[in-house]
C-alpha atoms as a PDB file:
ATOM      1  CA  MET A   1      23.460  -7.258 -15.252  1.00  0.00           C
ATOM      2  CA  LYS A   2      22.413  -9.340 -12.239  1.00  0.00           C
ATOM      3  CA  ASN A   3      18.690 -10.178 -12.386  1.00  0.00           C
ATOM      4  CA  SER A   4      16.200 -10.926  -9.627  1.00  0.00           C
ATOM      5  CA  SER A   5      12.425 -11.089  -9.334  1.00  0.00           C
ATOM      6  CA  THR A   6      12.395 -10.386  -5.563  1.00  0.00           C
ATOM      7  CA  TRP A   7      12.263  -6.630  -5.280  1.00  0.00           C
ATOM      8  CA  TRP A   8      12.195  -6.047  -1.504  1.00  0.00           C
ATOM      9  CA  GLY A   9      14.981  -6.526   1.038  1.00  0.00           C
ATOM     10  CA  GLU A  10      18.646  -5.527   1.010  1.00  0.00           C
ATOM     11  CA  SER A  11      20.684  -5.006  -2.157  1.00  0.00           C
ATOM     12  CA  THR A  12      24.354  -4.122  -2.624  1.00  0.00           C
ATOM     13  CA  ILE A  13      24.881  -1.475  -5.304  1.00  0.00           C
ATOM     14  CA  PRO A  14      28.629  -0.975  -5.904  1.00  0.00           C
ATOM     15  CA  LEU A  15      29.997   2.509  -6.537  1.00  0.00           C
ATOM     16  CA  GLY A  16      29.231   3.574 -10.090  1.00  0.00           C
ATOM     17  CA  ASN A  17      26.454   0.998 -10.423  1.00  0.00           C
ATOM     18  CA  THR A  18      22.682   1.319 -10.641  1.00  0.00           C
ATOM     19  CA  MET A  19      19.806  -0.867  -9.555  1.00  0.00           C
ATOM     20  CA  LYS A  20      16.848  -0.775 -11.925  1.00  0.00           C
ATOM     21  CA  LEU A  21      13.501  -1.975 -10.610  1.00  0.00           C
ATOM     22  CA  ASN A  22      10.302  -2.437 -12.588  1.00  0.00           C
ATOM     23  CA  ILE A  23       7.212  -3.307 -10.588  1.00  0.00           C
ATOM     24  CA  GLY A  24       3.742  -2.982 -12.036  1.00  0.00           C
ATOM     25  CA  LEU A  25       3.516   0.408 -13.714  1.00  0.00           C
ATOM     26  CA  LEU A  26       6.434   1.853 -11.705  1.00  0.00           C
ATOM     27  CA  SER A  27      10.004   2.017 -12.993  1.00  0.00           C
ATOM     28  CA  ILE A  28      12.793   3.249 -10.720  1.00  0.00           C
ATOM     29  CA  ALA A  29      16.580   3.366 -10.839  1.00  0.00           C
ATOM     30  CA  ILE A  30      18.870   3.901  -7.830  1.00  0.00           C
ATOM     31  CA  GLU A  31      22.406   5.059  -8.679  1.00  0.00           C
ATOM     32  CA  ASN A  32      25.374   4.929  -6.273  1.00  0.00           C
ATOM     33  CA  LYS A  33      27.677   7.935  -6.762  1.00  0.00           C
ATOM     34  CA  GLY A  34      29.492   7.663  -3.429  1.00  0.00           C
ATOM     35  CA  GLN A  35      28.178  10.260  -1.014  1.00  0.00           C
ATOM     36  CA  GLU A  36      25.598  11.209  -3.618  1.00  0.00           C
ATOM     37  CA  TRP A  37      22.688   8.992  -4.613  1.00  0.00           C
ATOM     38  CA  HIS A  38      20.344   9.534  -7.536  1.00  0.00           C
ATOM     39  CA  ILE A  39      16.845   8.045  -7.591  1.00  0.00           C
ATOM     40  CA  TYR A  40      15.000   8.134 -10.906  1.00  0.00           C
ATOM     41  CA  SER A  41      11.357   7.150 -11.318  1.00  0.00           C
ATOM     42  CA  GLN A  42       8.434   7.180 -13.703  1.00  0.00           C
ATOM     43  CA  TYR A  43       5.059   5.521 -14.210  1.00  0.00           C
ATOM     44  CA  GLU A  44       4.389   3.710 -17.437  1.00  0.00           C
ATOM     45  CA  LYS A  45       1.498   4.986 -19.561  1.00  0.00           C
ATOM     46  CA  ASP A  46      -0.090   1.538 -19.692  1.00  0.00           C
ATOM     47  CA  SER A  47      -3.560   1.854 -18.144  1.00  0.00           C
ATOM     48  CA  ASP A  48      -3.525  -1.678 -16.675  1.00  0.00           C
ATOM     49  CA  GLU A  49      -3.153  -1.051 -12.941  1.00  0.00           C
ATOM     50  CA  PHE A  50      -3.060  -4.838 -12.405  1.00  0.00           C
ATOM     51  CA  ASN A  51       0.117  -5.223 -14.450  1.00  0.00           C
ATOM     52  CA  THR A  52       2.162  -8.076 -12.908  1.00  0.00           C
ATOM     53  CA  ARG A  53       5.555  -6.971 -14.243  1.00  0.00           C
ATOM     54  CA  VAL A  54       8.428  -7.301 -11.739  1.00  0.00           C
ATOM     55  CA  ASP A  55      12.148  -7.259 -12.525  1.00  0.00           C
ATOM     56  CA  LYS A  56      15.294  -6.086 -10.741  1.00  0.00           C
ATOM     57  CA  GLN A  57      18.727  -5.575 -12.306  1.00  0.00           C
ATOM     58  CA  ILE A  58      22.018  -4.341 -10.844  1.00  0.00           C
ATOM     59  CA  GLY A  59      24.882  -3.296 -13.110  1.00  0.00           C
ATOM     60  CA  LEU A  60      27.044  -0.480 -14.414  1.00  0.00           C
ATOM     61  CA  THR A  61      25.193   2.777 -14.898  1.00  0.00           C
ATOM     62  CA  ASP A  62      24.021   3.463 -18.432  1.00  0.00           C
ATOM     63  CA  ASN A  63      21.681   6.051 -19.920  1.00  0.00           C
ATOM     64  CA  ILE A  64      18.661   6.646 -17.658  1.00  0.00           C
ATOM     65  CA  ASP A  65      15.907   8.813 -19.065  1.00  0.00           C
ATOM     66  CA  TYR A  66      13.164   8.707 -16.437  1.00  0.00           C
ATOM     67  CA  LYS A  67      10.740  11.542 -15.827  1.00  0.00           C
ATOM     68  CA  ASN A  68      11.587  12.256 -12.154  1.00  0.00           C
ATOM     69  CA  THR A  69      15.054  12.614 -10.604  1.00  0.00           C
ATOM     70  CA  THR A  70      15.980  13.104  -6.944  1.00  0.00           C
ATOM     71  CA  ARG A  71      19.574  13.831  -5.818  1.00  0.00           C
ATOM     72  CA  LEU A  72      20.430  12.930  -2.244  1.00  0.00           C
ATOM     73  CA  PHE A  73      23.642  13.612  -0.303  1.00  0.00           C
ATOM     74  CA  VAL A  74      24.798  11.525   2.681  1.00  0.00           C
ATOM     75  CA  ASN A  75      27.642  11.817   5.210  1.00  0.00           C
ATOM     76  CA  THR A  76      29.188   8.379   4.898  1.00  0.00           C
ATOM     77  CA  LEU A  77      29.965   5.844   2.211  1.00  0.00           C
ATOM     78  CA  SER A  78      27.731   2.794   1.961  1.00  0.00           C
ATOM     79  CA  ASP A  79      26.615   0.584  -0.888  1.00  0.00           C
ATOM     80  CA  ILE A  80      23.723  -1.230   0.817  1.00  0.00           C
ATOM     81  CA  ILE A  81      20.176  -0.218  -0.008  1.00  0.00           C
ATOM     82  CA  GLN A  82      17.097  -1.637   1.718  1.00  0.00           C
ATOM     83  CA  ILE A  83      13.669  -1.497   0.097  1.00  0.00           C
ATOM     84  CA  GLY A  84      10.715  -2.323   2.291  1.00  0.00           C
ATOM     85  CA  PRO A  85       7.040  -2.635   1.382  1.00  0.00           C
ATOM     86  CA  VAL A  86       4.756  -0.379   3.433  1.00  0.00           C
ATOM     87  CA  LEU A  87       1.193   0.822   3.024  1.00  0.00           C
ATOM     88  CA  ALA A  88       0.037   4.323   2.166  1.00  0.00           C
ATOM     89  CA  ASP A  89       0.451   7.256   4.539  1.00  0.00           C
ATOM     90  CA  ARG A  90      -3.276   8.127   4.279  1.00  0.00           C
ATOM     91  CA  PRO A  91      -6.456   6.052   4.273  1.00  0.00           C
ATOM     92  CA  VAL A  92      -7.345   4.564   0.901  1.00  0.00           C
ATOM     93  CA  VAL A  93     -10.937   5.023  -0.236  1.00  0.00           C
ATOM     94  CA  CYS A  94     -12.155   2.108  -2.347  1.00  0.00           C
ATOM     95  CA  ARG A  95     -15.150   2.288  -4.636  1.00  0.00           C
ATOM     96  CA  PRO A  96     -16.618  -1.128  -5.480  1.00  0.00           C
ATOM     97  CA  LEU A  97     -17.941  -1.606  -9.005  1.00  0.00           C
ATOM     98  CA  LYS A  98     -21.493  -1.541  -7.605  1.00  0.00           C
ATOM     99  CA  PRO A  99     -22.945  -0.231  -4.312  1.00  0.00           C
ATOM    100  CA  ILE A 100     -22.911  -2.776  -1.480  1.00  0.00           C
ATOM    101  CA  MET A 101     -25.852  -3.510   0.836  1.00  0.00           C
ATOM    102  CA  VAL A 102     -25.500  -5.308   4.158  1.00  0.00           C
ATOM    103  CA  LEU A 103     -28.800  -6.348   5.689  1.00  0.00           C
ATOM    104  CA  PRO A 104     -29.685  -5.650   9.359  1.00  0.00           C
ATOM    105  CA  LYS A 105     -27.757  -7.694  11.926  1.00  0.00           C
ATOM    106  CA  SER A 106     -25.632  -9.162   9.127  1.00  0.00           C
ATOM    107  CA  LYS A 107     -21.914  -9.443   8.461  1.00  0.00           C
ATOM    108  CA  VAL A 108     -19.885  -9.808   5.274  1.00  0.00           C
ATOM    109  CA  THR A 109     -16.169 -10.270   4.583  1.00  0.00           C
ATOM    110  CA  LEU A 110     -14.777  -8.602   1.478  1.00  0.00           C
ATOM    111  CA  TYR A 111     -11.212  -9.030   0.275  1.00  0.00           C
ATOM    112  CA  VAL A 112      -9.775  -5.808  -1.139  1.00  0.00           C
ATOM    113  CA  SER A 113      -6.287  -4.899  -2.315  1.00  0.00           C
ATOM    114  CA  THR A 114      -4.450  -1.582  -2.037  1.00  0.00           C
ATOM    115  CA  PRO A 115      -1.117  -0.440  -3.554  1.00  0.00           C
ATOM    116  CA  ILE A 116       2.239  -0.860  -1.822  1.00  0.00           C
ATOM    117  CA  TRP A 117       4.660   2.002  -1.169  1.00  0.00           C
ATOM    118  CA  LEU A 118       8.440   1.460  -1.489  1.00  0.00           C
ATOM    119  CA  LEU A 119      10.430   2.620   1.532  1.00  0.00           C
ATOM    120  CA  ILE A 120      13.980   3.147   0.224  1.00  0.00           C
ATOM    121  CA  LYS A 121      16.696   3.315   2.905  1.00  0.00           C
ATOM    122  CA  LEU A 122      20.492   3.517   2.943  1.00  0.00           C
ATOM    123  CA  LEU A 123      22.028   1.152   5.497  1.00  0.00           C
ATOM    124  CA  GLU A 124      25.118   2.684   7.088  1.00  0.00           C
ATOM    125  CA  LYS A 125      27.385   1.230   9.794  1.00  0.00           C
ATOM    126  CA  ASN A 126      25.619   2.849  12.755  1.00  0.00           C
ATOM    127  CA  ASN A 127      22.681   4.487  11.095  1.00  0.00           C
ATOM    128  CA  THR A 128      19.824   4.021   8.644  1.00  0.00           C
ATOM    129  CA  SER A 129      18.833   6.908   6.404  1.00  0.00           C
ATOM    130  CA  LEU A 130      15.502   7.183   4.639  1.00  0.00           C
ATOM    131  CA  LEU A 131      16.135   8.243   1.066  1.00  0.00           C
ATOM    132  CA  GLN A 132      12.670   8.268  -0.470  1.00  0.00           C
ATOM    133  CA  GLU A 133       9.166   6.807  -0.454  1.00  0.00           C
ATOM    134  CA  ILE A 134       7.586   5.953  -3.801  1.00  0.00           C
ATOM    135  CA  ALA A 135       4.113   4.561  -4.475  1.00  0.00           C
ATOM    136  CA  THR A 136       3.927   1.634  -6.872  1.00  0.00           C
ATOM    137  CA  GLN A 137       0.795   3.176  -8.340  1.00  0.00           C
ATOM    138  CA  ARG A 138      -0.115   6.831  -8.844  1.00  0.00           C
ATOM    139  CA  LEU A 139      -3.290   7.454  -6.839  1.00  0.00           C
ATOM    140  CA  SER A 140      -5.506  10.508  -6.986  1.00  0.00           C
ATOM    141  CA  ASP A 141      -6.449  12.524  -3.902  1.00  0.00           C
ATOM    142  CA  THR A 142     -10.000  12.403  -2.618  1.00  0.00           C
ATOM    143  CA  TRP A 143     -11.906  14.047   0.221  1.00  0.00           C
ATOM    144  CA  PHE A 144     -13.797  11.669   2.473  1.00  0.00           C
ATOM    145  CA  GLY A 145     -16.331  13.111   4.870  1.00  0.00           C
ATOM    146  CA  PRO A 146     -19.847  14.511   5.308  1.00  0.00           C
ATOM    147  CA  SER A 147     -18.854  18.059   4.267  1.00  0.00           C
ATOM    148  CA  THR A 148     -15.957  20.160   3.029  1.00  0.00           C
ATOM    149  CA  MET A 149     -15.291  21.170   6.647  1.00  0.00           C
ATOM    150  CA  ARG A 150     -15.451  17.705   8.191  1.00  0.00           C
ATOM    151  CA  GLY A 151     -13.517  14.836   6.720  1.00  0.00           C
ATOM    152  CA  ASP A 152     -10.099  13.522   5.766  1.00  0.00           C
ATOM    153  CA  LEU A 153      -7.771  13.800   2.794  1.00  0.00           C
ATOM    154  CA  CYS A 154      -7.368  10.270   1.421  1.00  0.00           C
ATOM    155  CA  TYR A 155      -6.241   8.387  -1.660  1.00  0.00           C
ATOM    156  CA  ALA A 156      -8.727   6.917  -4.125  1.00  0.00           C
ATOM    157  CA  SER A 157      -8.363   3.401  -5.499  1.00  0.00           C
ATOM    158  CA  SER A 158     -10.628   1.087  -7.456  1.00  0.00           C
ATOM    159  CA  THR A 159     -11.286  -2.432  -6.185  1.00  0.00           C
ATOM    160  CA  ASN A 160     -13.573  -5.313  -6.937  1.00  0.00           C
ATOM    161  CA  GLY A 161     -14.155  -6.308  -3.303  1.00  0.00           C
ATOM    162  CA  ARG A 162     -14.315 -10.094  -3.659  1.00  0.00           C
ATOM    163  CA  THR A 163     -15.999 -12.413  -1.169  1.00  0.00           C
ATOM    164  CA  ASP A 164     -13.690 -15.215  -2.322  1.00  0.00           C
ATOM    165  CA  ILE A 165     -10.016 -14.434  -1.725  1.00  0.00           C
ATOM    166  CA  ASN A 166      -9.015 -16.843  -4.488  1.00  0.00           C
ATOM    167  CA  ALA A 167     -10.844 -14.621  -6.984  1.00  0.00           C
ATOM    168  CA  LEU A 168      -8.363 -11.777  -6.435  1.00  0.00           C
ATOM    169  CA  PRO A 169      -5.367 -11.681  -8.810  1.00  0.00           C
ATOM    170  CA  LEU A 170      -1.940 -12.234  -7.243  1.00  0.00           C
ATOM    171  CA  LEU A 171      -0.088  -8.951  -7.695  1.00  0.00           C
ATOM    172  CA  PRO A 172       3.498  -8.134  -6.641  1.00  0.00           C
ATOM    173  CA  HIS A 173       2.681  -4.530  -5.697  1.00  0.00           C
ATOM    174  CA  ARG A 174      -0.642  -4.704  -3.829  1.00  0.00           C
ATOM    175  CA  ALA A 175      -1.575  -6.006  -0.371  1.00  0.00           C
ATOM    176  CA  ILE A 176      -4.798  -7.902   0.333  1.00  0.00           C
ATOM    177  CA  THR A 177      -6.921  -6.854   3.312  1.00  0.00           C
ATOM    178  CA  PRO A 178      -9.846  -8.904   4.683  1.00  0.00           C
ATOM    179  CA  LEU A 179     -12.535  -6.284   5.337  1.00  0.00           C
ATOM    180  CA  VAL A 180     -15.189  -7.467   7.781  1.00  0.00           C
ATOM    181  CA  ILE A 181     -18.286  -5.223   7.660  1.00  0.00           C
ATOM    182  CA  HIS A 182     -20.829  -5.764  10.428  1.00  0.00           C
ATOM    183  CA  ASN A 183     -24.199  -4.031  10.336  1.00  0.00           C
ATOM    184  CA  ALA A 184     -25.241  -4.059  13.991  1.00  0.00           C
ATOM    185  CA  THR A 185     -28.360  -1.928  13.428  1.00  0.00           C
ATOM    186  CA  ASP A 186     -31.974  -2.750  12.533  1.00  0.00           C
ATOM    187  CA  LYS A 187     -31.676  -0.990   9.166  1.00  0.00           C
ATOM    188  CA  SER A 188     -29.956  -1.977   5.933  1.00  0.00           C
ATOM    189  CA  LEU A 189     -26.534  -0.491   5.294  1.00  0.00           C
ATOM    190  CA  SER A 190     -25.862   0.499   1.674  1.00  0.00           C
ATOM    191  CA  PHE A 191     -22.762   2.422   0.649  1.00  0.00           C
ATOM    192  CA  GLU A 192     -20.810   3.389  -2.455  1.00  0.00           C
ATOM    193  CA  ARG A 193     -17.374   3.981  -0.944  1.00  0.00           C
ATOM    194  CA  VAL A 194     -15.474   2.597   2.039  1.00  0.00           C
ATOM    195  CA  SER A 195     -12.334   4.006   3.647  1.00  0.00           C
ATOM    196  CA  ILE A 196      -9.579   1.522   4.556  1.00  0.00           C
ATOM    197  CA  PRO A 197      -7.287   2.806   7.381  1.00  0.00           C
ATOM    198  CA  VAL A 198      -4.128   1.410   5.786  1.00  0.00           C
ATOM    199  CA  PRO A 199      -1.685   3.549   7.867  1.00  0.00           C
ATOM    200  CA  MET A 200      -2.765   1.374  10.820  1.00  0.00           C
ATOM    201  CA  LEU A 201      -1.946  -1.894   9.046  1.00  0.00           C
ATOM    202  CA  SER A 202       1.185  -4.036   8.751  1.00  0.00           C
ATOM    203  CA  VAL A 203       2.465  -5.832   5.668  1.00  0.00           C
ATOM    204  CA  PHE A 204       2.929  -9.603   5.813  1.00  0.00           C
ATOM    205  CA  LEU A 205       4.284 -12.044   3.244  1.00  0.00           C
ATOM    206  CA  THR A 206       2.450 -15.325   2.662  1.00  0.00           C
ATOM    207  CA  ASN A 207       4.003 -18.615   1.603  1.00  0.00           C
ATOM    208  CA  ASN A 208       2.905 -18.033  -1.997  1.00  0.00           C
ATOM    209  CA  GLY A 209       4.618 -14.623  -2.160  1.00  0.00           C
ATOM    210  CA  GLN A 210       1.523 -12.427  -1.819  1.00  0.00           C
ATOM    211  CA  PHE A 211       1.347  -9.403   0.497  1.00  0.00           C
ATOM    212  CA  HIS A 212      -1.394  -9.422   3.126  1.00  0.00           C
ATOM    213  CA  THR A 213      -2.439  -7.222   6.049  1.00  0.00           C
ATOM    214  CA  GLU A 214      -4.351  -7.829   9.242  1.00  0.00           C
ATOM    215  CA  SER A 215      -8.113  -7.954   8.906  1.00  0.00           C
ATOM    216  CA  VAL A 216     -10.070  -4.712   9.342  1.00  0.00           C
ATOM    217  CA  GLY A 217     -13.361  -4.931  11.219  1.00  0.00           C
ATOM    218  CA  LEU A 218     -15.885  -2.116  10.696  1.00  0.00           C
ATOM    219  CA  THR A 219     -19.012  -2.249  12.854  1.00  0.00           C
ATOM    220  CA  TRP A 220     -21.830   0.158  11.958  1.00  0.00           C
ATOM    221  CA  GLN A 221     -23.836   0.906  15.100  1.00  0.00           C
ATOM    222  CA  ASP A 222     -25.795   4.080  14.383  1.00  0.00           C
ATOM    223  CA  GLU A 223     -27.095   6.180  11.519  1.00  0.00           C
ATOM    224  CA  ASN A 224     -23.971   8.024  10.413  1.00  0.00           C
ATOM    225  CA  ASN A 225     -20.814   7.257   8.476  1.00  0.00           C
ATOM    226  CA  LEU A 226     -18.772   6.303  11.556  1.00  0.00           C
ATOM    227  CA  ALA A 227     -17.880   2.709  12.339  1.00  0.00           C
ATOM    228  CA  LYS A 228     -16.147   1.030  15.248  1.00  0.00           C
ATOM    229  CA  LEU A 229     -12.711  -0.152  14.139  1.00  0.00           C
ATOM    230  CA  LYS A 230     -11.037  -3.414  15.088  1.00  0.00           C
ATOM    231  CA  ILE A 231      -7.646  -4.424  13.683  1.00  0.00           C
ATOM    232  CA  GLY A 232      -7.258  -8.192  13.621  1.00  0.00           C
ATOM    233  CA  ASP A 233      -4.301 -10.327  14.660  1.00  0.00           C
ATOM    234  CA  LYS A 234      -1.424 -11.542  12.503  1.00  0.00           C
ATOM    235  CA  GLN A 235      -2.503 -14.176  10.022  1.00  0.00           C
ATOM    236  CA  ALA A 236      -1.096 -17.681  10.319  1.00  0.00           C
ATOM    237  CA  ASN A 237       1.830 -18.783   8.138  1.00  0.00           C
ATOM    238  CA  THR A 238       2.918 -15.253   7.251  1.00  0.00           C
ATOM    239  CA  THR A 239       6.121 -13.256   7.772  1.00  0.00           C
ATOM    240  CA  LEU A 240       6.037  -9.669   9.038  1.00  0.00           C
ATOM    241  CA  LEU A 241       7.781  -7.283   6.613  1.00  0.00           C
ATOM    242  CA  SER A 242       6.747  -3.891   8.016  1.00  0.00           C
ATOM    243  CA  GLY A 243       4.660  -2.550  10.873  1.00  0.00           C
ATOM    244  CA  PRO A 244       1.930   0.107  10.820  1.00  0.00           C
ATOM    245  CA  ARG A 245       2.707   3.788  10.387  1.00  0.00           C
ATOM    246  CA  GLN A 246       0.360   4.604  13.269  1.00  0.00           C
ATOM    247  CA  ARG A 247      -1.284   2.621  16.020  1.00  0.00           C
ATOM    248  CA  ALA A 248      -5.020   2.080  16.214  1.00  0.00           C
ATOM    249  CA  GLU A 249      -6.714   2.978  19.492  1.00  0.00           C
ATOM    250  CA  GLN A 250      -8.867   0.448  21.294  1.00  0.00           C
ATOM    251  CA  GLY A 251     -12.542   1.025  20.456  1.00  0.00           C
ATOM    252  CA  GLN A 252     -11.700   3.771  17.974  1.00  0.00           C
ATOM    253  CA  PHE A 253     -14.404   5.105  15.632  1.00  0.00           C
ATOM    254  CA  ILE A 254     -13.464   6.156  12.102  1.00  0.00           C
ATOM    255  CA  ARG A 255     -15.194   7.601   9.025  1.00  0.00           C
ATOM    256  CA  ALA A 256     -15.763   4.429   7.063  1.00  0.00           C
ATOM    257  CA  PHE A 257     -18.724   4.716   4.703  1.00  0.00           C
ATOM    258  CA  SER A 258     -20.018   7.331   2.308  1.00  0.00           C
ATOM    259  CA  ALA A 259     -23.259   7.742   0.353  1.00  0.00           C
ATOM    260  CA  ILE A 260     -25.121   5.763   2.996  1.00  0.00           C
ATOM    261  CA  PHE A 261     -28.707   4.790   2.303  1.00  0.00           C
ATOM    262  CA  LYS A 262     -30.957   3.198   4.916  1.00  0.00           C
END
């Protein structure tokens, strides 16, 4: 077996070989069977979502007994797989351990982390085929909005929301987002959940091997759960690994806060 601790990027998987990847609680195996590819996956039962495990091996296929199996058929022969880190395809709703209050005309920056998705592609001579997307962490669905008729289907994730970025653990399967919350009103803003528009964010790699995104600015201007969104610029000394799934509109308002108390 050939071992590596860098799980993203291009990998050559010879015919009859399998790449096994363990990252956090996710285990996957990608098997090259010529014009047929098998992708196996499962989540470990360990409850530690901050598990730092990461390991990649490429070698001859042996017994694989994972819970989920996907068979994929392609037109041409290729042995090059590309795995790219991307963010979720829906907003991620984070619930801090305790409600947060931002005083009138005040601003706070919280550093939150959200799980990475694996974008698995087959690189062919004149084409790139998407084989599968797999989340590094199984997230539950949640509804985010003022009623059952108005709102958005999102993912739910726990976070500590640190004011000191150095207090966040370095994890190989989560991306850190600086969340800048500005209360532009004359009343206190207190909320229990905040929605991070991760489909609008890119993934960058820092010099120390941590994933980061642009900053997200949320400005609360009136007495509802909408906030004016501003996506920040690329951070210094980082390398772009993947762009956003969707573009943010200039001056866009989004549903950002829930359980607001003034």
